[in-house]
């Protein structure tokens, strides 16, 4: 193998402003972005479901469940929703 062929095989595929960037690194970054979008879509779906379940607490109270218990469940769900909103914001920022 000649020196020129060896250099051609080990040379970076492209150069960027931040330094060397290979096709592999770009591929990993793209896959990471796709995984991030999948995670974000899942978080948003769960958040939408959780927000929809807040209406169920009113129905439980109307059905005769103790108001104190319903309020406790509502507070727990609100806390969960806040956490999911923070997760969604983090996922958006990491994209």
C-alpha atoms as a PDB file:
ATOM      1  CA  UNK A   1       0.000   0.000   0.000  1.00  0.00           C
ATOM      2  CA  UNK A   2       1.397   3.353  -0.897  1.00  0.00           C
ATOM      3  CA  UNK A   3       1.665   6.253   1.491  1.00  0.00           C
ATOM      4  CA  UNK A   4      -0.922   8.241  -0.498  1.00  0.00           C
ATOM      5  CA  UNK A   5      -3.464   5.399  -0.314  1.00  0.00           C
ATOM      6  CA  UNK A   6      -2.911   4.995   3.420  1.00  0.00           C
ATOM      7  CA  UNK A   7      -3.413   8.720   3.961  1.00  0.00           C
ATOM      8  CA  UNK A   8      -6.565   8.694   1.831  1.00  0.00           C
ATOM      9  CA  UNK A   9      -8.054   5.943   3.985  1.00  0.00           C
ATOM     10  CA  UNK A  10      -7.332   7.732   7.263  1.00  0.00           C
ATOM     11  CA  UNK A  11      -8.128  11.310   6.216  1.00  0.00           C
ATOM     12  CA  UNK A  12     -11.300  12.902   7.612  1.00  0.00           C
ATOM     13  CA  UNK A  13     -14.327  12.862   5.367  1.00  0.00           C
ATOM     14  CA  UNK A  14     -15.112  16.529   5.885  1.00  0.00           C
ATOM     15  CA  UNK A  15     -13.952  19.581   7.780  1.00  0.00           C
ATOM     16  CA  UNK A  16     -16.199  21.873   9.775  1.00  0.00           C
ATOM     17  CA  UNK A  17     -15.781  25.120  11.675  1.00  0.00           C
ATOM     18  CA  UNK A  18     -15.658  23.282  15.003  1.00  0.00           C
ATOM     19  CA  UNK A  19     -12.905  20.933  13.933  1.00  0.00           C
ATOM     20  CA  UNK A  20     -12.803  17.544  12.300  1.00  0.00           C
ATOM     21  CA  UNK A  21     -16.123  15.898  11.607  1.00  0.00           C
ATOM     22  CA  UNK A  22     -16.452  12.477  10.042  1.00  0.00           C
ATOM     23  CA  UNK A  23     -19.381  10.959   8.278  1.00  0.00           C
ATOM     24  CA  UNK A  24     -19.740   8.574  11.219  1.00  0.00           C
ATOM     25  CA  UNK A  25     -20.052  11.468  13.680  1.00  0.00           C
ATOM     26  CA  UNK A  26     -22.673  13.101  11.493  1.00  0.00           C
ATOM     27  CA  UNK A  27     -24.580   9.826  11.293  1.00  0.00           C
ATOM     28  CA  UNK A  28     -24.477   9.384  15.075  1.00  0.00           C
ATOM     29  CA  UNK A  29     -25.682  12.960  15.542  1.00  0.00           C
ATOM     30  CA  UNK A  30     -28.555  12.391  13.106  1.00  0.00           C
ATOM     31  CA  UNK A  31     -29.563   9.157  14.860  1.00  0.00           C
ATOM     32  CA  UNK A  32     -29.377  10.937  18.192  1.00  0.00           C
ATOM     33  CA  UNK A  33     -31.680  13.631  16.841  1.00  0.00           C
ATOM     34  CA  UNK A  34     -34.168  11.000  15.635  1.00  0.00           C
ATOM     35  CA  UNK A  35     -34.087   9.310  19.047  1.00  0.00           C
ATOM     36  CA  UNK A  36     -34.610  12.699  20.664  1.00  0.00           C
ATOM     37  CA  UNK A  37     -37.678  13.347  18.521  1.00  0.00           C
ATOM     38  CA  UNK A  38     -39.102   9.929  19.362  1.00  0.00           C
ATOM     39  CA  UNK A  39     -38.561  10.628  23.061  1.00  0.00           C
ATOM     40  CA  UNK A  40     -40.154  14.073  22.759  1.00  0.00           C
ATOM     41  CA  UNK A  41     -43.194  12.666  20.934  1.00  0.00           C
ATOM     42  CA  UNK A  42     -43.617  10.048  23.658  1.00  0.00           C
ATOM     43  CA  UNK A  43     -43.372  12.661  26.426  1.00  0.00           C
ATOM     44  CA  UNK A  44     -45.926  14.882  24.685  1.00  0.00           C
ATOM     45  CA  UNK A  45     -48.318  11.948  24.202  1.00  0.00           C
ATOM     46  CA  UNK A  46     -48.078  11.008  27.884  1.00  0.00           C
ATOM     47  CA  UNK A  47     -48.492  14.649  28.883  1.00  0.00           C
ATOM     48  CA  UNK A  48     -51.624  14.957  26.743  1.00  0.00           C
ATOM     49  CA  UNK A  49     -53.051  11.781  28.330  1.00  0.00           C
ATOM     50  CA  UNK A  50     -52.266  13.013  31.838  1.00  0.00           C
ATOM     51  CA  UNK A  51     -53.912  16.364  31.194  1.00  0.00           C
ATOM     52  CA  UNK A  52     -56.984  14.597  29.861  1.00  0.00           C
ATOM     53  CA  UNK A  53     -57.227  12.480  33.001  1.00  0.00           C
ATOM     54  CA  UNK A  54     -57.644  15.600  35.139  1.00  0.00           C
ATOM     55  CA  UNK A  55     -61.287  15.653  34.051  1.00  0.00           C
ATOM     56  CA  UNK A  56     -61.730  12.178  35.522  1.00  0.00           C
ATOM     57  CA  UNK A  57     -61.158  13.510  39.042  1.00  0.00           C
ATOM     58  CA  UNK A  58     -64.297  15.634  38.801  1.00  0.00           C
ATOM     59  CA  UNK A  59     -66.238  12.533  37.798  1.00  0.00           C
ATOM     60  CA  UNK A  60     -64.824  10.598  40.767  1.00  0.00           C
ATOM     61  CA  UNK A  61     -65.898  13.360  43.112  1.00  0.00           C
ATOM     62  CA  UNK A  62     -69.394  13.396  41.575  1.00  0.00           C
ATOM     63  CA  UNK A  63     -69.534   9.620  41.971  1.00  0.00           C
ATOM     64  CA  UNK A  64     -69.113  10.010  45.726  1.00  0.00           C
ATOM     65  CA  UNK A  65     -65.387   9.668  46.367  1.00  0.00           C
ATOM     66  CA  UNK A  66     -64.170  11.712  49.330  1.00  0.00           C
ATOM     67  CA  UNK A  67     -63.177  15.256  48.284  1.00  0.00           C
ATOM     68  CA  UNK A  68     -59.966  15.054  50.297  1.00  0.00           C
ATOM     69  CA  UNK A  69     -58.907  11.908  48.429  1.00  0.00           C
ATOM     70  CA  UNK A  70     -59.777  13.439  45.063  1.00  0.00           C
ATOM     71  CA  UNK A  71     -57.777  16.570  45.914  1.00  0.00           C
ATOM     72  CA  UNK A  72     -54.794  14.434  46.903  1.00  0.00           C
ATOM     73  CA  UNK A  73     -54.962  12.526  43.614  1.00  0.00           C
ATOM     74  CA  UNK A  74     -55.372  15.795  41.692  1.00  0.00           C
ATOM     75  CA  UNK A  75     -52.277  17.282  43.391  1.00  0.00           C
ATOM     76  CA  UNK A  76     -50.246  14.156  42.589  1.00  0.00           C
ATOM     77  CA  UNK A  77     -51.306  14.329  38.935  1.00  0.00           C
ATOM     78  CA  UNK A  78     -50.506  18.054  38.759  1.00  0.00           C
ATOM     79  CA  UNK A  79     -47.032  17.288  40.110  1.00  0.00           C
ATOM     80  CA  UNK A  80     -46.582  14.557  37.518  1.00  0.00           C
ATOM     81  CA  UNK A  81     -47.723  16.918  34.750  1.00  0.00           C
ATOM     82  CA  UNK A  82     -45.238  19.585  35.884  1.00  0.00           C
ATOM     83  CA  UNK A  83     -42.440  16.990  35.796  1.00  0.00           C
ATOM     84  CA  UNK A  84     -43.426  15.853  32.306  1.00  0.00           C
ATOM     85  CA  UNK A  85     -43.506  19.476  31.132  1.00  0.00           C
ATOM     86  CA  UNK A  86     -39.966  19.946  32.456  1.00  0.00           C
ATOM     87  CA  UNK A  87     -38.915  16.732  30.678  1.00  0.00           C
ATOM     88  CA  UNK A  88     -40.452  17.996  27.427  1.00  0.00           C
ATOM     89  CA  UNK A  89     -38.653  21.339  27.735  1.00  0.00           C
ATOM     90  CA  UNK A  90     -35.353  19.549  28.379  1.00  0.00           C
ATOM     91  CA  UNK A  91     -35.926  17.271  25.373  1.00  0.00           C
ATOM     92  CA  UNK A  92     -36.686  20.272  23.157  1.00  0.00           C
ATOM     93  CA  UNK A  93     -33.558  22.095  24.292  1.00  0.00           C
ATOM     94  CA  UNK A  94     -31.389  19.036  23.696  1.00  0.00           C
ATOM     95  CA  UNK A  95     -32.529  18.820  20.062  1.00  0.00           C
END
